[in-house]
N, C-alpha and C. Protein backbone atom coordinates (compact mmCIF):
# COMPACT_ATOMS: atom_id res chain seq x y z
N GLU A 1 4.99 1.24 -69.32
CA GLU A 1 4.00 2.06 -68.62
C GLU A 1 3.68 1.37 -67.29
N VAL A 2 3.77 2.13 -66.19
CA VAL A 2 3.49 1.59 -64.86
C VAL A 2 2.28 2.31 -64.30
N SER A 3 1.29 1.53 -63.90
CA SER A 3 0.09 2.14 -63.31
C SER A 3 0.24 2.11 -61.79
N ALA A 4 -0.09 3.20 -61.15
CA ALA A 4 -0.02 3.28 -59.68
C ALA A 4 -1.22 4.07 -59.18
N ALA A 5 -1.55 3.83 -57.98
CA ALA A 5 -2.67 4.57 -57.39
C ALA A 5 -2.28 6.03 -57.25
N SER A 6 -3.25 6.89 -57.46
CA SER A 6 -2.96 8.32 -57.36
C SER A 6 -3.06 8.82 -55.92
N SER A 7 -3.61 8.03 -55.04
CA SER A 7 -3.68 8.41 -53.63
C SER A 7 -3.38 7.20 -52.76
N CYS A 8 -2.90 7.47 -51.61
CA CYS A 8 -2.55 6.40 -50.67
C CYS A 8 -3.12 6.74 -49.31
N LEU A 9 -3.80 5.81 -48.68
CA LEU A 9 -4.39 6.01 -47.38
C LEU A 9 -3.40 5.55 -46.31
N LEU A 10 -3.03 6.46 -45.44
CA LEU A 10 -2.09 6.16 -44.36
C LEU A 10 -2.82 6.29 -43.04
N GLN A 11 -2.79 5.25 -42.23
CA GLN A 11 -3.44 5.29 -40.93
C GLN A 11 -2.39 5.16 -39.83
N ASN A 12 -2.36 6.17 -38.98
CA ASN A 12 -1.47 6.11 -37.82
C ASN A 12 -2.24 5.52 -36.65
N PRO A 13 -1.60 4.67 -35.86
CA PRO A 13 -2.30 4.13 -34.69
C PRO A 13 -2.58 5.25 -33.69
N LEU A 14 -3.68 5.08 -32.95
CA LEU A 14 -4.05 6.06 -31.93
C LEU A 14 -2.96 6.18 -30.88
N LYS A 15 -2.69 7.40 -30.45
CA LYS A 15 -1.77 7.62 -29.35
C LYS A 15 -2.45 7.11 -28.08
N PRO A 16 -1.73 6.39 -27.23
CA PRO A 16 -2.39 5.81 -26.05
C PRO A 16 -2.81 6.89 -25.05
N GLU A 17 -3.92 6.62 -24.39
CA GLU A 17 -4.43 7.46 -23.31
C GLU A 17 -4.91 6.54 -22.20
N VAL A 18 -5.01 7.09 -21.00
CA VAL A 18 -5.47 6.30 -19.86
C VAL A 18 -6.38 7.15 -18.98
N THR A 19 -7.42 6.52 -18.47
CA THR A 19 -8.28 7.10 -17.44
C THR A 19 -8.02 6.33 -16.16
N ILE A 20 -7.68 7.06 -15.10
CA ILE A 20 -7.30 6.42 -13.83
C ILE A 20 -8.35 6.78 -12.78
N SER A 21 -8.84 5.75 -12.08
CA SER A 21 -9.74 5.94 -10.94
C SER A 21 -9.25 5.06 -9.80
N SER A 22 -9.64 5.39 -8.59
CA SER A 22 -9.15 4.61 -7.44
C SER A 22 -10.22 4.48 -6.36
N SER A 23 -10.04 3.49 -5.52
CA SER A 23 -10.88 3.29 -4.34
C SER A 23 -9.99 2.75 -3.23
N GLU A 24 -10.40 3.01 -1.99
CA GLU A 24 -9.61 2.57 -0.84
C GLU A 24 -9.77 1.08 -0.61
N ILE A 25 -8.69 0.45 -0.17
CA ILE A 25 -8.73 -0.92 0.32
C ILE A 25 -8.76 -0.79 1.84
N SER A 26 -9.79 -1.32 2.48
CA SER A 26 -9.93 -1.18 3.92
C SER A 26 -9.65 -2.49 4.62
N ASP A 27 -9.12 -2.39 5.83
CA ASP A 27 -8.91 -3.55 6.68
C ASP A 27 -10.28 -4.03 7.16
N LYS A 28 -10.56 -5.31 7.06
CA LYS A 28 -11.87 -5.85 7.41
C LYS A 28 -12.16 -5.73 8.90
N CYS A 29 -11.14 -5.85 9.73
CA CYS A 29 -11.35 -5.82 11.18
C CYS A 29 -11.45 -4.39 11.71
N ALA A 30 -10.51 -3.53 11.31
CA ALA A 30 -10.45 -2.19 11.88
C ALA A 30 -11.20 -1.16 11.06
N ASP A 31 -11.60 -1.51 9.84
CA ASP A 31 -12.28 -0.60 8.94
C ASP A 31 -11.48 0.69 8.73
N SER A 32 -10.18 0.54 8.53
CA SER A 32 -9.30 1.67 8.24
C SER A 32 -8.58 1.40 6.93
N PRO A 33 -8.18 2.45 6.20
CA PRO A 33 -7.55 2.26 4.89
C PRO A 33 -6.14 1.68 5.02
N ILE A 34 -5.87 0.65 4.20
CA ILE A 34 -4.53 0.04 4.19
C ILE A 34 -3.88 0.13 2.82
N GLY A 35 -4.59 0.70 1.83
CA GLY A 35 -4.02 0.82 0.50
C GLY A 35 -5.04 1.37 -0.49
N LEU A 36 -4.62 1.41 -1.76
CA LEU A 36 -5.47 1.89 -2.84
C LEU A 36 -5.61 0.82 -3.92
N ARG A 37 -6.80 0.69 -4.46
CA ARG A 37 -7.04 -0.15 -5.64
C ARG A 37 -7.22 0.82 -6.81
N VAL A 38 -6.30 0.76 -7.77
CA VAL A 38 -6.29 1.70 -8.89
C VAL A 38 -6.78 0.98 -10.15
N ASN A 39 -7.77 1.59 -10.81
CA ASN A 39 -8.33 1.03 -12.04
C ASN A 39 -7.88 1.87 -13.23
N PHE A 40 -7.50 1.19 -14.31
CA PHE A 40 -7.03 1.85 -15.52
C PHE A 40 -7.92 1.46 -16.69
N GLU A 41 -8.28 2.44 -17.52
CA GLU A 41 -8.98 2.20 -18.77
C GLU A 41 -8.13 2.83 -19.87
N PHE A 42 -7.66 2.00 -20.80
CA PHE A 42 -6.71 2.43 -21.82
C PHE A 42 -7.38 2.57 -23.17
N THR A 43 -6.86 3.48 -23.99
CA THR A 43 -7.15 3.51 -25.42
C THR A 43 -5.80 3.45 -26.12
N GLY A 44 -5.75 2.78 -27.24
CA GLY A 44 -4.49 2.58 -27.96
C GLY A 44 -4.35 1.13 -28.34
N SER A 45 -3.12 0.68 -28.45
CA SER A 45 -2.83 -0.69 -28.89
C SER A 45 -2.13 -1.47 -27.77
N PRO A 46 -2.79 -2.50 -27.21
CA PRO A 46 -2.16 -3.26 -26.13
C PRO A 46 -0.90 -3.99 -26.59
N PRO A 47 -0.03 -4.38 -25.67
CA PRO A 47 -0.08 -4.23 -24.21
C PRO A 47 0.31 -2.82 -23.78
N PHE A 48 -0.16 -2.42 -22.58
CA PHE A 48 0.10 -1.10 -22.03
C PHE A 48 1.02 -1.23 -20.82
N THR A 49 1.95 -0.30 -20.70
CA THR A 49 2.82 -0.23 -19.53
C THR A 49 2.70 1.16 -18.94
N ILE A 50 2.42 1.22 -17.65
CA ILE A 50 2.32 2.51 -16.97
C ILE A 50 3.43 2.59 -15.93
N LYS A 51 4.06 3.76 -15.82
CA LYS A 51 5.14 3.95 -14.86
C LYS A 51 4.70 4.93 -13.79
N TYR A 52 5.09 4.62 -12.55
CA TYR A 52 4.67 5.45 -11.42
C TYR A 52 5.74 5.44 -10.33
N ARG A 53 5.60 6.40 -9.42
CA ARG A 53 6.52 6.53 -8.29
C ARG A 53 5.69 6.64 -7.01
N GLU A 54 6.11 5.92 -5.97
CA GLU A 54 5.46 5.98 -4.66
C GLU A 54 6.34 6.80 -3.72
N GLU A 55 5.73 7.79 -3.04
CA GLU A 55 6.47 8.61 -2.09
C GLU A 55 5.71 8.63 -0.76
N LYS A 56 6.45 8.48 0.33
CA LYS A 56 5.88 8.58 1.67
C LYS A 56 6.31 9.92 2.25
N THR A 57 5.36 10.67 2.81
CA THR A 57 5.68 11.96 3.41
C THR A 57 6.71 11.75 4.51
N GLY A 58 7.81 12.48 4.41
CA GLY A 58 8.89 12.34 5.39
C GLY A 58 9.85 11.21 5.09
N GLY A 59 9.60 10.44 4.05
CA GLY A 59 10.47 9.32 3.67
C GLY A 59 11.27 9.66 2.43
N LYS A 60 12.15 8.75 2.07
CA LYS A 60 12.94 8.99 0.85
C LYS A 60 12.12 8.65 -0.39
N LYS A 61 12.50 9.25 -1.51
CA LYS A 61 11.80 9.03 -2.77
C LYS A 61 12.11 7.63 -3.28
N SER A 62 11.08 6.92 -3.69
CA SER A 62 11.28 5.55 -4.17
C SER A 62 11.65 5.55 -5.65
N GLN A 63 12.07 4.40 -6.13
CA GLN A 63 12.43 4.27 -7.54
C GLN A 63 11.18 4.19 -8.40
N LEU A 64 11.37 4.39 -9.69
CA LEU A 64 10.27 4.33 -10.64
C LEU A 64 9.82 2.88 -10.80
N GLU A 65 8.53 2.64 -10.60
CA GLU A 65 7.94 1.31 -10.74
C GLU A 65 7.15 1.26 -12.04
N SER A 66 6.85 0.04 -12.51
CA SER A 66 6.02 -0.09 -13.71
C SER A 66 5.09 -1.29 -13.58
N ALA A 67 3.98 -1.21 -14.30
CA ALA A 67 3.01 -2.31 -14.35
C ALA A 67 2.55 -2.45 -15.80
N THR A 68 2.46 -3.70 -16.29
CA THR A 68 2.05 -3.97 -17.67
C THR A 68 0.70 -4.69 -17.68
N PHE A 69 -0.16 -4.27 -18.59
CA PHE A 69 -1.50 -4.84 -18.71
C PHE A 69 -1.73 -5.31 -20.14
N PRO A 70 -2.24 -6.54 -20.34
CA PRO A 70 -2.38 -7.09 -21.69
C PRO A 70 -3.59 -6.57 -22.46
N GLY A 71 -4.58 -6.00 -21.75
CA GLY A 71 -5.81 -5.55 -22.42
C GLY A 71 -6.08 -4.07 -22.20
N HIS A 72 -7.31 -3.66 -22.51
CA HIS A 72 -7.69 -2.26 -22.40
C HIS A 72 -8.13 -1.84 -21.00
N ARG A 73 -8.14 -2.79 -20.07
CA ARG A 73 -8.46 -2.48 -18.67
C ARG A 73 -7.43 -3.16 -17.78
N GLY A 74 -7.16 -2.52 -16.64
CA GLY A 74 -6.22 -3.10 -15.69
C GLY A 74 -6.51 -2.62 -14.30
N GLN A 75 -5.96 -3.33 -13.33
CA GLN A 75 -6.15 -2.98 -11.93
C GLN A 75 -4.85 -3.24 -11.18
N LEU A 76 -4.54 -2.36 -10.24
CA LEU A 76 -3.31 -2.44 -9.47
C LEU A 76 -3.63 -2.14 -8.02
N ASP A 77 -3.21 -3.02 -7.11
CA ASP A 77 -3.38 -2.79 -5.67
C ASP A 77 -2.09 -2.24 -5.10
N LEU A 78 -2.15 -1.06 -4.50
CA LEU A 78 -1.00 -0.42 -3.89
C LEU A 78 -1.19 -0.45 -2.38
N VAL A 79 -0.46 -1.37 -1.71
CA VAL A 79 -0.62 -1.57 -0.27
C VAL A 79 0.74 -1.41 0.40
N PRO A 80 1.01 -0.23 0.98
CA PRO A 80 2.30 -0.04 1.67
C PRO A 80 2.38 -0.85 2.95
N VAL A 81 3.60 -1.06 3.43
CA VAL A 81 3.80 -1.90 4.61
C VAL A 81 3.73 -1.12 5.93
N SER A 82 3.83 0.20 5.90
CA SER A 82 3.79 0.97 7.15
C SER A 82 2.81 2.13 7.00
N GLU A 83 2.39 2.68 8.17
CA GLU A 83 1.42 3.77 8.15
C GLU A 83 2.09 5.06 7.68
N GLY A 84 1.26 6.00 7.22
CA GLY A 84 1.76 7.29 6.78
C GLY A 84 0.92 7.83 5.63
N THR A 85 1.33 8.99 5.13
CA THR A 85 0.68 9.60 3.98
C THR A 85 1.50 9.27 2.74
N TYR A 86 0.85 8.68 1.75
CA TYR A 86 1.52 8.23 0.53
C TYR A 86 0.98 9.00 -0.67
N LYS A 87 1.89 9.27 -1.62
CA LYS A 87 1.52 9.92 -2.87
C LYS A 87 2.04 9.05 -4.01
N TYR A 88 1.16 8.76 -4.98
CA TYR A 88 1.51 7.96 -6.14
C TYR A 88 1.43 8.87 -7.37
N THR A 89 2.54 9.04 -8.06
CA THR A 89 2.60 9.89 -9.24
C THR A 89 2.75 9.01 -10.48
N PHE A 90 1.73 8.99 -11.33
CA PHE A 90 1.76 8.24 -12.59
C PHE A 90 2.31 9.18 -13.66
N SER A 91 3.44 8.81 -14.27
CA SER A 91 4.17 9.75 -15.12
C SER A 91 4.29 9.36 -16.59
N GLU A 92 4.16 8.09 -16.92
CA GLU A 92 4.46 7.67 -18.30
C GLU A 92 3.58 6.50 -18.71
N LEU A 93 3.17 6.51 -19.99
CA LEU A 93 2.36 5.44 -20.55
C LEU A 93 2.99 4.97 -21.85
N ASN A 94 3.11 3.66 -22.02
CA ASN A 94 3.63 3.06 -23.25
C ASN A 94 2.60 2.07 -23.77
N ASP A 95 2.56 1.90 -25.11
CA ASP A 95 1.75 0.82 -25.67
C ASP A 95 2.57 0.11 -26.75
N HIS A 96 1.92 -0.64 -27.61
CA HIS A 96 2.62 -1.43 -28.63
C HIS A 96 3.41 -0.56 -29.60
N TYR A 97 2.89 0.62 -29.94
CA TYR A 97 3.53 1.47 -30.94
C TYR A 97 4.28 2.66 -30.36
N TYR A 98 3.81 3.21 -29.27
CA TYR A 98 4.40 4.41 -28.69
C TYR A 98 5.18 4.04 -27.43
N THR A 99 6.41 4.56 -27.34
CA THR A 99 7.26 4.17 -26.21
C THR A 99 7.27 5.17 -25.07
N TYR A 100 6.83 6.41 -25.30
CA TYR A 100 6.81 7.36 -24.20
C TYR A 100 5.70 8.39 -24.44
N VAL A 101 4.64 8.29 -23.64
CA VAL A 101 3.57 9.29 -23.65
C VAL A 101 3.49 9.82 -22.23
N PRO A 102 3.84 11.10 -22.02
CA PRO A 102 3.81 11.63 -20.66
C PRO A 102 2.38 11.80 -20.14
N ILE A 103 2.19 11.43 -18.90
CA ILE A 103 0.92 11.68 -18.19
C ILE A 103 1.31 12.26 -16.84
N ASN A 104 0.39 12.92 -16.22
CA ASN A 104 0.68 13.47 -14.90
C ASN A 104 -0.58 13.35 -14.06
N GLN A 105 -0.70 12.24 -13.36
CA GLN A 105 -1.84 12.04 -12.48
C GLN A 105 -1.30 11.62 -11.12
N VAL A 106 -1.82 12.26 -10.08
CA VAL A 106 -1.35 12.01 -8.72
C VAL A 106 -2.51 11.52 -7.87
N LEU A 107 -2.28 10.44 -7.13
CA LEU A 107 -3.23 9.93 -6.14
C LEU A 107 -2.53 9.96 -4.79
N SER A 108 -3.28 10.24 -3.73
CA SER A 108 -2.68 10.22 -2.40
C SER A 108 -3.63 9.56 -1.42
N GLN A 109 -3.04 9.12 -0.29
CA GLN A 109 -3.83 8.40 0.71
C GLN A 109 -3.11 8.38 2.05
N ASP A 110 -3.90 8.43 3.13
CA ASP A 110 -3.39 8.21 4.48
C ASP A 110 -3.63 6.75 4.82
N VAL A 111 -2.55 6.02 5.12
CA VAL A 111 -2.65 4.59 5.44
C VAL A 111 -2.55 4.42 6.94
N ARG A 112 -3.52 3.70 7.50
CA ARG A 112 -3.53 3.41 8.93
C ARG A 112 -3.74 1.91 9.10
N PRO A 113 -2.67 1.16 9.38
CA PRO A 113 -2.85 -0.29 9.52
C PRO A 113 -3.62 -0.64 10.78
N ALA A 114 -4.14 -1.85 10.81
CA ALA A 114 -4.88 -2.33 11.97
C ALA A 114 -3.98 -2.38 13.19
N ALA A 115 -4.57 -2.12 14.35
CA ALA A 115 -3.80 -2.14 15.59
C ALA A 115 -3.34 -3.56 15.92
N SER A 116 -2.10 -3.65 16.39
CA SER A 116 -1.57 -4.94 16.86
C SER A 116 -0.46 -4.64 17.85
N ALA A 117 -0.08 -5.67 18.59
CA ALA A 117 0.98 -5.52 19.59
C ALA A 117 1.81 -6.80 19.63
N PHE A 118 3.08 -6.66 20.00
CA PHE A 118 3.94 -7.83 20.13
C PHE A 118 5.01 -7.54 21.18
N PHE A 119 5.53 -8.62 21.76
CA PHE A 119 6.60 -8.49 22.74
C PHE A 119 7.89 -8.14 22.03
N ILE A 120 8.63 -7.18 22.57
CA ILE A 120 9.88 -6.76 21.95
C ILE A 120 10.96 -7.80 22.18
N ASP A 121 11.14 -8.24 23.44
CA ASP A 121 12.14 -9.25 23.77
C ASP A 121 11.43 -10.60 23.81
N ARG A 122 11.62 -11.40 22.78
CA ARG A 122 10.90 -12.67 22.66
C ARG A 122 11.65 -13.84 23.30
N HIS A 123 12.78 -13.57 23.93
CA HIS A 123 13.53 -14.63 24.58
C HIS A 123 12.89 -14.98 25.91
N SER A 124 13.05 -16.21 26.33
CA SER A 124 12.48 -16.62 27.61
C SER A 124 13.23 -15.92 28.75
N LYS A 125 12.49 -15.65 29.80
CA LYS A 125 13.07 -14.97 30.95
C LYS A 125 12.99 -15.89 32.16
N ASP A 126 14.04 -15.87 32.96
CA ASP A 126 14.03 -16.59 34.23
C ASP A 126 13.52 -15.64 35.31
N ILE A 127 12.46 -16.04 35.98
CA ILE A 127 11.86 -15.20 37.02
C ILE A 127 11.86 -16.00 38.31
N CYS A 128 12.41 -15.41 39.35
CA CYS A 128 12.49 -16.08 40.65
C CYS A 128 11.19 -15.87 41.42
N LEU A 129 10.94 -16.78 42.36
CA LEU A 129 9.75 -16.71 43.20
C LEU A 129 9.74 -15.39 43.95
N GLY A 130 8.63 -14.68 43.88
CA GLY A 130 8.52 -13.39 44.54
C GLY A 130 8.86 -12.20 43.65
N ASP A 131 9.51 -12.45 42.50
CA ASP A 131 9.83 -11.36 41.59
C ASP A 131 8.63 -11.07 40.68
N SER A 132 8.57 -9.84 40.22
CA SER A 132 7.53 -9.45 39.27
C SER A 132 8.14 -9.44 37.87
N PRO A 133 7.56 -10.18 36.93
CA PRO A 133 8.10 -10.17 35.57
C PRO A 133 7.79 -8.84 34.88
N VAL A 134 8.68 -8.41 34.01
CA VAL A 134 8.52 -7.17 33.25
C VAL A 134 8.70 -7.51 31.77
N PHE A 135 7.73 -7.08 30.95
CA PHE A 135 7.76 -7.33 29.51
C PHE A 135 7.54 -6.02 28.77
N ASP A 136 8.33 -5.79 27.73
CA ASP A 136 8.15 -4.62 26.87
C ASP A 136 7.27 -5.01 25.69
N VAL A 137 6.29 -4.16 25.40
CA VAL A 137 5.34 -4.41 24.32
C VAL A 137 5.44 -3.28 23.30
N GLN A 138 5.51 -3.64 22.02
CA GLN A 138 5.55 -2.68 20.93
C GLN A 138 4.18 -2.64 20.26
N PHE A 139 3.66 -1.43 19.98
CA PHE A 139 2.35 -1.26 19.36
C PHE A 139 2.48 -0.81 17.91
N VAL A 140 1.56 -1.28 17.07
CA VAL A 140 1.48 -0.88 15.67
C VAL A 140 0.08 -0.35 15.43
N GLY A 141 -0.04 0.66 14.62
CA GLY A 141 -1.35 1.23 14.33
C GLY A 141 -1.41 2.67 14.79
N GLU A 142 -2.61 3.11 15.11
CA GLU A 142 -2.84 4.50 15.47
C GLU A 142 -3.28 4.58 16.93
N PRO A 143 -2.57 5.39 17.77
CA PRO A 143 -2.94 5.51 19.17
C PRO A 143 -4.27 6.25 19.33
N PRO A 144 -4.91 6.15 20.47
CA PRO A 144 -4.52 5.41 21.68
C PRO A 144 -4.90 3.94 21.57
N TRP A 145 -4.15 3.10 22.31
CA TRP A 145 -4.38 1.66 22.31
C TRP A 145 -4.91 1.21 23.68
N THR A 146 -5.60 0.09 23.67
CA THR A 146 -5.99 -0.60 24.89
C THR A 146 -5.41 -2.00 24.81
N LEU A 147 -4.63 -2.37 25.82
CA LEU A 147 -4.00 -3.69 25.85
C LEU A 147 -4.71 -4.54 26.88
N GLU A 148 -5.22 -5.68 26.43
CA GLU A 148 -5.86 -6.64 27.33
C GLU A 148 -5.06 -7.93 27.31
N TYR A 149 -4.78 -8.47 28.48
CA TYR A 149 -3.98 -9.69 28.59
C TYR A 149 -4.42 -10.48 29.81
N GLU A 150 -3.98 -11.74 29.86
CA GLU A 150 -4.31 -12.61 30.98
C GLU A 150 -3.04 -13.12 31.64
N ILE A 151 -3.09 -13.22 32.95
CA ILE A 151 -2.01 -13.86 33.70
C ILE A 151 -2.55 -15.22 34.13
N ILE A 152 -1.86 -16.27 33.70
CA ILE A 152 -2.31 -17.63 33.99
C ILE A 152 -1.31 -18.25 34.95
N HIS A 153 -1.81 -18.72 36.09
CA HIS A 153 -0.97 -19.39 37.08
C HIS A 153 -1.73 -20.62 37.55
N GLY A 154 -1.20 -21.77 37.20
CA GLY A 154 -1.90 -23.01 37.54
C GLY A 154 -3.22 -23.06 36.80
N LYS A 155 -4.32 -23.17 37.57
CA LYS A 155 -5.64 -23.22 36.95
C LYS A 155 -6.37 -21.87 37.03
N SER A 156 -5.72 -20.89 37.60
CA SER A 156 -6.39 -19.59 37.73
C SER A 156 -5.98 -18.66 36.58
N ARG A 157 -6.92 -17.82 36.19
CA ARG A 157 -6.70 -16.83 35.13
C ARG A 157 -7.12 -15.47 35.68
N GLN A 158 -6.24 -14.50 35.48
CA GLN A 158 -6.54 -13.15 35.92
C GLN A 158 -6.46 -12.23 34.71
N LYS A 159 -7.60 -11.60 34.36
CA LYS A 159 -7.63 -10.70 33.21
C LYS A 159 -7.15 -9.32 33.64
N MET A 160 -6.28 -8.73 32.80
CA MET A 160 -5.72 -7.41 33.08
C MET A 160 -5.96 -6.53 31.86
N SER A 161 -5.89 -5.21 32.08
CA SER A 161 -6.10 -4.27 30.99
C SER A 161 -5.36 -2.97 31.28
N GLN A 162 -4.79 -2.40 30.22
CA GLN A 162 -4.21 -1.05 30.28
C GLN A 162 -4.89 -0.25 29.19
N SER A 163 -5.38 0.93 29.54
CA SER A 163 -6.12 1.75 28.57
C SER A 163 -5.39 3.05 28.26
N ASN A 164 -5.80 3.67 27.16
CA ASN A 164 -5.32 4.98 26.75
C ASN A 164 -3.80 5.05 26.63
N ILE A 165 -3.19 4.04 26.02
CA ILE A 165 -1.74 4.00 25.81
C ILE A 165 -1.45 4.81 24.55
N THR A 166 -0.55 5.80 24.66
CA THR A 166 -0.23 6.65 23.51
C THR A 166 1.20 6.44 23.00
N ASP A 167 2.09 5.86 23.82
CA ASP A 167 3.47 5.59 23.37
C ASP A 167 3.50 4.28 22.59
N ARG A 168 4.35 4.21 21.59
CA ARG A 168 4.47 2.99 20.76
C ARG A 168 5.10 1.83 21.53
N LYS A 169 5.73 2.14 22.66
CA LYS A 169 6.35 1.10 23.50
C LYS A 169 5.81 1.26 24.91
N SER A 170 5.44 0.14 25.50
CA SER A 170 4.91 0.15 26.87
C SER A 170 5.47 -1.03 27.64
N THR A 171 5.41 -0.96 28.94
CA THR A 171 5.92 -2.03 29.80
C THR A 171 4.75 -2.63 30.57
N VAL A 172 4.71 -3.95 30.60
CA VAL A 172 3.69 -4.70 31.34
C VAL A 172 4.39 -5.38 32.48
């Protein structure tokens, strides 16, 4: 005679879920957005892996990226390297027990990096007495720009300025 329980309690682990919120990351100097800080709150069994794709308007589609978080909360900073309109599509969530839970959450942002300028031709130039030097300057950021520079000759300094520049390349 074998005695066995007449009922059996079976518990399935919770299917993972995520709540996504975001805030802008701003440049301290220019007070313009340079990226997104994305916060995740998970339910389920850690660790959690979320998969997403970054797309730039007018650019090619990027590959599928992933981020893994050991606990029930996580944070991800998405900071693109160039200006433009970006869309982040979060498509998949995995946890310890479940390998594919589809999600569909989209975040978007206009990124405007801080203004900066640099010389295009960084090689030294030979300038003869009486000649006027010419330098090409490349601008980064959002137009219009104002370029301020100094011409130093001996002990004298002459401050110069060009305003309302709208082309990404200018000549000084």
